[in-house]
Amino acid sequence: MLYIIIIAICWLVFAGMQTAFLPYGFFQSLLWTVAATAAVVVLDALTASVSRMLPAKWLPREAKIFEVNAKEKRFYEKLKIRKWKDRIPEIGHFTGFRKNKLDEPKSLAYLERFLLESRYGEVGHFFSCLIGFLILLPLPFLPRPWLAFSLPVAIVNVLLNLPSLLILRYNSYKLKILYVSTKKKEERAATAA
């Protein structure tokens, strides 16, 4: 609901600003802004679908790009991410795996899956931030000042995807610690048996 409210407010603000500076009426500006938003939503959905189809071996847990070091963790703590992260919608139900709560914190298989799903999410949100800017491409059927309609929408797309990306990275730091700890416990239990 929060995202829908943010998008609606942005539509009205953008349409009002465009009406003031462009030779279009409010409703025509609003229509083009909504069209740009629909284009970004389609691009985001495609990006999420394609990133979800990547083989798991392309997203190894040990890859440097997925490492969160202590400095990055401190940055997230300065953002006070822990206080607001639960207010950001989590749509893991579309992939069959929710990432807003640890259901089985003592299961190594569950933690492995959780970390993999987090990596899929990171890749999807990162590329959604970038690919959203494809709506800036001038197409023959679009009005001349398409950039004025699409650039604000592309920027809002980044602002809506970025918090989810940061939350996934913030949570993965702790998840990896829990994973290593659980793995050591299982190895000790196997050795003792």
Protein backbone atom coordinates (compact mmCIF):
# COMPACT_ATOMS: atom_id res chain seq x y z
CA MET A 1 0.00 0.00 0.00
CA LEU A 2 2.89 2.35 0.84
CA TYR A 3 4.36 1.94 -2.65
CA ILE A 4 1.00 2.63 -4.31
CA ILE A 5 0.60 5.82 -2.26
CA ILE A 6 4.12 6.96 -3.17
CA ILE A 7 3.49 6.27 -6.86
CA ALA A 8 0.14 8.10 -6.83
CA ILE A 9 1.65 11.15 -5.12
CA CYS A 10 4.51 11.16 -7.63
CA TRP A 11 2.02 10.96 -10.52
CA LEU A 12 0.18 14.02 -9.27
CA VAL A 13 3.34 16.01 -8.54
CA PHE A 14 4.96 15.12 -11.88
CA ALA A 15 1.80 15.86 -13.84
CA GLY A 16 1.45 19.21 -12.08
CA MET A 17 5.07 20.14 -12.78
CA GLN A 18 4.85 19.02 -16.39
CA THR A 19 1.65 21.01 -16.90
CA ALA A 20 3.47 24.10 -15.67
CA PHE A 21 6.48 23.65 -17.96
CA LEU A 22 5.21 21.72 -20.99
CA PRO A 23 2.47 22.50 -23.51
CA TYR A 24 0.24 19.70 -22.22
CA GLY A 25 -2.77 19.79 -19.97
CA PHE A 26 -2.79 18.18 -16.53
CA PHE A 27 -4.69 15.06 -17.59
CA GLN A 28 -2.55 14.54 -20.68
CA SER A 29 0.60 14.90 -18.55
CA LEU A 30 -0.88 12.51 -15.99
CA LEU A 31 -1.69 10.01 -18.76
CA TRP A 32 1.91 10.05 -20.09
CA THR A 33 3.31 9.75 -16.56
CA VAL A 34 1.06 6.75 -15.88
CA ALA A 35 2.19 5.25 -19.22
CA ALA A 36 5.84 5.69 -18.21
CA THR A 37 5.07 4.03 -14.86
CA ALA A 38 3.36 1.10 -16.59
CA ALA A 39 6.43 0.70 -18.81
CA VAL A 40 8.71 0.60 -15.74
CA VAL A 41 6.46 -1.90 -13.98
CA VAL A 42 6.65 -4.19 -17.03
CA LEU A 43 10.44 -3.80 -17.18
CA ASP A 44 10.73 -4.54 -13.44
CA ALA A 45 8.55 -7.64 -13.80
CA LEU A 46 10.63 -8.88 -16.73
CA THR A 47 13.85 -8.19 -14.84
CA ALA A 48 12.59 -10.08 -11.78
CA SER A 49 11.47 -13.01 -13.93
CA VAL A 50 14.73 -13.22 -15.86
CA SER A 51 16.89 -12.88 -12.74
CA ARG A 52 14.85 -15.63 -11.06
CA MET A 53 15.57 -17.96 -14.00
CA LEU A 54 19.33 -17.68 -13.53
CA PRO A 55 20.96 -20.95 -12.51
CA ALA A 56 21.87 -21.02 -8.82
CA LYS A 57 25.48 -21.82 -9.75
CA TRP A 58 25.74 -18.32 -11.27
CA LEU A 59 25.01 -16.87 -7.83
CA PRO A 60 27.53 -18.62 -5.55
CA ARG A 61 27.40 -17.76 -1.87
CA GLU A 62 31.17 -17.13 -1.88
CA ALA A 63 31.11 -14.61 -4.76
CA LYS A 64 32.74 -11.31 -3.81
CA ILE A 65 29.82 -9.30 -5.15
CA PHE A 66 27.53 -10.83 -2.50
CA GLU A 67 29.97 -10.25 0.37
CA VAL A 68 28.93 -7.63 2.90
CA ASN A 69 31.87 -6.40 4.92
CA ALA A 70 31.81 -4.70 8.31
CA LYS A 71 32.16 -1.24 6.74
CA GLU A 72 29.09 -1.76 4.56
CA LYS A 73 27.20 -3.13 7.59
CA ARG A 74 28.07 0.03 9.56
CA PHE A 75 26.73 2.11 6.65
CA TYR A 76 23.40 0.27 6.90
CA GLU A 77 23.35 0.80 10.65
CA LYS A 78 23.90 4.54 10.11
CA LEU A 79 20.86 4.48 7.83
CA LYS A 80 19.00 2.94 10.80
CA ILE A 81 17.80 0.23 8.43
CA ARG A 82 16.68 -2.00 11.29
CA LYS A 83 14.01 0.54 12.26
CA TRP A 84 12.38 0.86 8.84
CA LYS A 85 13.16 -2.38 7.01
CA ASP A 86 9.96 -4.12 8.11
CA ARG A 87 7.87 -1.33 6.56
CA ILE A 88 9.08 -2.12 3.05
CA PRO A 89 6.86 -4.67 1.29
CA GLU A 90 8.36 -8.11 0.76
CA ILE A 91 6.88 -9.96 -2.21
CA GLY A 92 8.59 -13.31 -1.81
CA HIS A 93 5.22 -15.03 -2.05
CA PHE A 94 5.52 -14.62 -5.84
CA THR A 95 8.56 -16.91 -5.79
CA GLY A 96 7.25 -19.21 -3.07
CA PHE A 97 9.80 -18.06 -0.49
CA ARG A 98 9.22 -15.18 1.90
CA LYS A 99 12.30 -13.36 3.20
CA ASN A 100 10.76 -11.16 5.87
CA LYS A 101 10.99 -13.77 8.63
CA LEU A 102 13.27 -16.68 9.52
CA ASP A 103 11.05 -19.73 9.83
CA GLU A 104 13.75 -22.37 10.44
CA PRO A 105 16.86 -20.65 11.85
CA LYS A 106 18.47 -23.96 12.88
CA SER A 107 18.08 -25.72 9.52
CA LEU A 108 21.18 -25.52 7.32
CA ALA A 109 19.18 -26.38 4.16
CA TYR A 110 16.66 -23.63 4.96
CA LEU A 111 19.43 -21.06 5.56
CA GLU A 112 21.11 -22.03 2.28
CA ARG A 113 17.82 -21.50 0.44
CA PHE A 114 17.22 -18.21 2.26
CA LEU A 115 20.66 -16.93 1.24
CA LEU A 116 20.12 -18.04 -2.36
CA GLU A 117 16.72 -16.30 -2.50
CA SER A 118 18.36 -13.18 -1.09
CA ARG A 119 20.97 -13.28 -3.85
CA TYR A 120 18.22 -13.61 -6.46
CA GLY A 121 16.54 -10.60 -4.88
CA GLU A 122 19.75 -8.57 -4.88
CA VAL A 123 20.35 -9.27 -8.56
CA GLY A 124 16.73 -8.49 -9.46
CA HIS A 125 16.56 -5.20 -7.55
CA PHE A 126 19.98 -4.06 -8.74
CA PHE A 127 19.15 -4.62 -12.40
CA SER A 128 15.66 -3.16 -11.96
CA CYS A 129 17.32 0.08 -10.87
CA LEU A 130 19.35 0.14 -14.09
CA ILE A 131 16.88 -1.31 -16.58
CA GLY A 132 14.17 1.12 -15.50
CA PHE A 133 16.12 3.79 -17.38
CA LEU A 134 15.29 2.03 -20.66
CA ILE A 135 12.03 3.97 -20.65
CA LEU A 136 14.12 7.04 -21.53
CA LEU A 137 14.65 5.67 -25.03
CA PRO A 138 12.88 7.85 -27.60
CA LEU A 139 10.36 5.85 -29.61
CA PRO A 140 8.54 7.23 -32.64
CA PHE A 141 5.05 6.99 -31.12
CA LEU A 142 6.01 8.90 -27.95
CA PRO A 143 5.58 12.66 -27.51
CA ARG A 144 8.63 14.83 -28.06
CA PRO A 145 9.24 15.66 -24.41
CA TRP A 146 9.12 11.98 -23.40
CA LEU A 147 12.24 12.50 -21.28
CA ALA A 148 10.30 14.93 -19.08
CA PHE A 149 7.68 12.23 -18.45
CA SER A 150 9.98 9.23 -18.14
CA LEU A 151 13.05 10.51 -16.26
CA PRO A 152 11.17 11.27 -13.01
CA VAL A 153 9.50 7.84 -13.21
CA ALA A 154 12.86 6.11 -13.74
CA ILE A 155 14.30 7.96 -10.74
CA VAL A 156 11.35 6.99 -8.53
CA ASN A 157 11.82 3.39 -9.72
CA VAL A 158 15.39 3.50 -8.37
CA LEU A 159 14.18 5.01 -5.09
CA LEU A 160 11.61 2.22 -4.70
CA ASN A 161 14.02 -0.62 -5.58
CA LEU A 162 17.04 0.62 -3.64
CA PRO A 163 15.64 0.11 -0.11
CA SER A 164 14.82 -3.53 -0.89
CA LEU A 165 18.33 -4.08 -2.24
CA LEU A 166 19.87 -2.51 0.88
CA ILE A 167 17.65 -4.58 3.18
CA LEU A 168 18.63 -7.81 1.42
CA ARG A 169 22.33 -6.99 1.77
CA TYR A 170 21.91 -5.92 5.41
CA ASN A 171 20.10 -9.15 6.28
CA SER A 172 22.55 -11.34 4.36
CA TYR A 173 25.39 -10.22 6.63
CA LYS A 174 23.66 -11.71 9.68
CA LEU A 175 22.34 -14.69 7.74
CA LYS A 176 25.85 -15.69 6.68
CA ILE A 177 27.02 -15.55 10.29
CA LEU A 178 24.06 -17.71 11.34
CA TYR A 179 24.73 -20.09 8.42
CA VAL A 180 28.42 -20.55 9.38
CA SER A 181 27.49 -21.05 13.03
CA THR A 182 24.81 -23.63 12.18
CA LYS A 183 27.15 -25.45 9.80
CA LYS A 184 29.84 -25.70 12.51
CA LYS A 185 27.29 -27.06 14.98
CA GLU A 186 26.15 -29.70 12.50
CA GLU A 187 29.75 -30.67 11.73
CA ARG A 188 30.55 -31.00 15.46
CA ALA A 189 27.39 -33.08 15.99
CA ALA A 190 28.32 -35.34 13.06
CA THR A 191 31.88 -35.76 14.36
CA ALA A 192 30.65 -36.57 17.89
CA ALA A 193 28.20 -39.20 16.61
